[in-house]
Amino acid sequence: MSKKAEADDRGRIVIPSEIREKHGDRYRVVELDDRVELIPLKDDPIEGFREAVGDAFDEKSIAEIKREAREGAHENALRDGSDSE
């Protein structure tokens, strides 16, 4: 589906009702080099995360996912820091 929308004098764009009914009222605005995209946000962000990554984290709690992400970021930072010396 493609619809045309224009910003009003305050920069607001109205999302057509058919699209809101299908995808909801909350969106992330993503600016890319050649366009802007609206990504629908789920009411439950964890549900949206799990849908985005498939079954990669089915057996893990949110606390485990966060801990592993922090550990990975820390390791990357240490590795990147040692590469610059």
Protein backbone atom coordinates (compact mmCIF):
# COMPACT_ATOMS: atom_id res chain seq x y z
CA MET A 1 0.00 0.00 0.00
CA SER A 2 1.26 3.46 -0.82
CA LYS A 3 -0.27 6.70 0.39
CA LYS A 4 0.74 10.32 0.02
CA ALA A 5 1.12 12.47 3.12
CA GLU A 6 2.31 16.01 3.64
CA ALA A 7 3.61 17.67 6.76
CA ASP A 8 1.57 20.55 8.18
CA ASP A 9 3.12 23.84 9.29
CA ARG A 10 4.16 22.22 12.60
CA GLY A 11 5.84 19.24 10.88
CA ARG A 12 3.11 16.73 11.71
CA ILE A 13 2.11 13.99 9.28
CA VAL A 14 -1.19 12.16 9.61
CA ILE A 15 -0.91 8.40 9.14
CA PRO A 16 -3.99 7.15 7.26
CA SER A 17 -6.48 5.24 9.40
CA GLU A 18 -6.14 2.02 7.35
CA ILE A 19 -2.43 1.92 8.16
CA ARG A 20 -2.94 2.76 11.86
CA GLU A 21 -5.61 0.05 12.15
CA LYS A 22 -3.22 -2.51 10.69
CA HIS A 23 0.04 -1.45 12.38
CA GLY A 24 -0.94 0.58 15.46
CA ASP A 25 -0.32 4.13 16.65
CA ARG A 26 3.35 3.99 17.67
CA TYR A 27 6.25 4.07 15.21
CA ARG A 28 10.00 4.48 15.26
CA VAL A 29 11.16 7.06 12.72
CA VAL A 30 14.31 5.86 10.95
CA GLU A 31 16.30 8.26 8.79
CA LEU A 32 18.30 6.55 6.05
CA ASP A 33 20.51 8.14 3.39
CA ASP A 34 17.77 8.29 0.76
CA ARG A 35 14.50 8.04 2.71
CA VAL A 36 12.69 8.03 6.04
CA GLU A 37 10.92 4.88 7.25
CA LEU A 38 8.30 4.33 9.92
CA ILE A 39 8.70 1.07 11.83
CA PRO A 40 5.64 0.01 13.84
CA LEU A 41 6.37 -0.49 17.54
CA LYS A 42 4.79 -3.32 19.48
CA ASP A 43 3.04 -2.61 22.77
CA ASP A 44 5.45 -5.12 24.30
CA PRO A 45 8.98 -4.24 23.11
CA ILE A 46 10.31 -7.63 24.21
CA GLU A 47 7.76 -9.35 21.97
CA GLY A 48 8.90 -7.16 19.08
CA PHE A 49 12.55 -7.98 19.82
CA ARG A 50 11.85 -11.71 19.88
CA GLU A 51 9.95 -11.47 16.57
CA ALA A 52 12.85 -9.57 15.01
CA VAL A 53 15.51 -12.12 15.98
CA GLY A 54 13.46 -15.28 15.63
CA ASP A 55 14.20 -18.10 18.03
CA ALA A 56 17.79 -17.04 18.74
CA PHE A 57 16.92 -16.10 22.34
CA ASP A 58 13.97 -18.38 23.08
CA GLU A 59 15.66 -20.08 26.00
CA LYS A 60 17.16 -16.94 27.54
CA SER A 61 15.72 -14.42 29.98
CA ILE A 62 15.93 -10.70 29.34
CA ALA A 63 18.52 -10.44 32.13
CA GLU A 64 20.71 -13.03 30.39
CA ILE A 65 20.39 -11.26 27.04
CA LYS A 66 21.35 -7.92 28.63
CA ARG A 67 24.31 -9.44 30.49
CA GLU A 68 25.64 -11.11 27.33
CA ALA A 69 25.20 -7.89 25.33
CA ARG A 70 27.14 -5.91 27.95
CA GLU A 71 29.91 -8.51 28.07
CA GLY A 72 30.17 -8.50 24.28
CA ALA A 73 30.28 -4.70 24.15
CA HIS A 74 32.97 -4.66 26.85
CA GLU A 75 35.08 -7.23 24.96
CA ASN A 76 34.69 -5.26 21.72
CA ALA A 77 35.72 -2.05 23.45
CA LEU A 78 38.82 -3.71 24.90
CA ARG A 79 39.73 -5.25 21.54
CA ASP A 80 39.15 -1.96 19.66
CA GLY A 81 41.26 -0.10 22.21
CA SER A 82 44.15 -2.49 21.83
CA ASP A 83 44.00 -2.25 18.00
CA SER A 84 44.70 1.49 18.09
CA GLU A 85 47.99 1.16 20.02
